[in-house]
Protein backbone atom coordinates (compact mmCIF):
# COMPACT_ATOMS: atom_id res chain seq x y z
CA UNK A 1 -35.23 2.22 -1.61
CA UNK A 2 -33.52 2.65 -4.93
CA UNK A 3 -31.70 5.65 -2.98
CA UNK A 4 -30.34 3.82 -0.52
CA UNK A 5 -29.00 0.78 -2.66
CA UNK A 6 -27.31 3.62 -4.57
CA UNK A 7 -25.85 4.92 -1.56
CA UNK A 8 -24.92 1.28 -0.47
CA UNK A 9 -23.08 0.96 -3.83
CA UNK A 10 -21.33 4.48 -3.72
CA UNK A 11 -20.07 3.46 0.36
CA UNK A 12 -18.62 0.39 -1.66
CA UNK A 13 -16.94 1.69 -4.25
CA UNK A 14 -15.22 4.20 -1.75
CA UNK A 15 -14.12 1.41 0.49
CA UNK A 16 -12.79 -0.31 -2.70
CA UNK A 17 -10.93 2.75 -3.49
CA UNK A 18 -9.68 3.32 -0.01
CA UNK A 19 -8.24 -0.43 0.29
CA UNK A 20 -6.22 -0.05 -3.08
CA UNK A 21 -5.03 2.84 -2.09
CA UNK A 22 -4.05 1.19 1.32
CA UNK A 23 -1.97 -1.35 -0.66
CA UNK A 24 -0.44 0.35 -2.81
CA UNK A 25 1.32 2.66 0.00
CA UNK A 26 1.99 -0.55 2.22
CA UNK A 27 3.35 -1.67 -1.61
CA UNK A 28 5.59 1.38 -1.44
CA UNK A 29 6.65 1.45 2.35
CA UNK A 30 7.89 -2.40 1.98
CA UNK A 31 9.89 -1.71 -1.50
CA UNK A 32 11.34 0.78 0.22
CA UNK A 33 12.33 -1.27 3.65
CA UNK A 34 13.81 -3.47 1.10
CA UNK A 35 16.07 -1.59 -0.93
CA UNK A 36 17.28 -0.13 2.64
CA UNK A 37 17.91 -3.46 4.18
CA UNK A 38 20.07 -3.72 0.45
CA UNK A 39 21.97 -0.78 0.63
CA UNK A 40 22.86 -1.07 4.39
CA UNK A 41 23.96 -5.30 3.50
CA UNK A 42 26.27 -3.72 0.93
CA UNK A 43 27.82 -1.22 2.90
CA UNK A 44 28.47 -3.91 5.68
CA UNK A 45 29.61 -6.58 3.00
CA UNK A 46 31.87 -3.79 2.00
CA UNK A 47 33.57 -3.32 5.22
CA UNK A 48 34.71 -6.47 5.32
């Protein structure tokens, strides 16, 4: 029974690590998109 509890704890830790990694990836993607939109807006503004 203790082995099953240990596996459950390990699975929960792995799931939390994957979630944190996914959140970090989403953060960087959103940041890159934001920077791209700002750059595009600056280029459009400079043409006016």
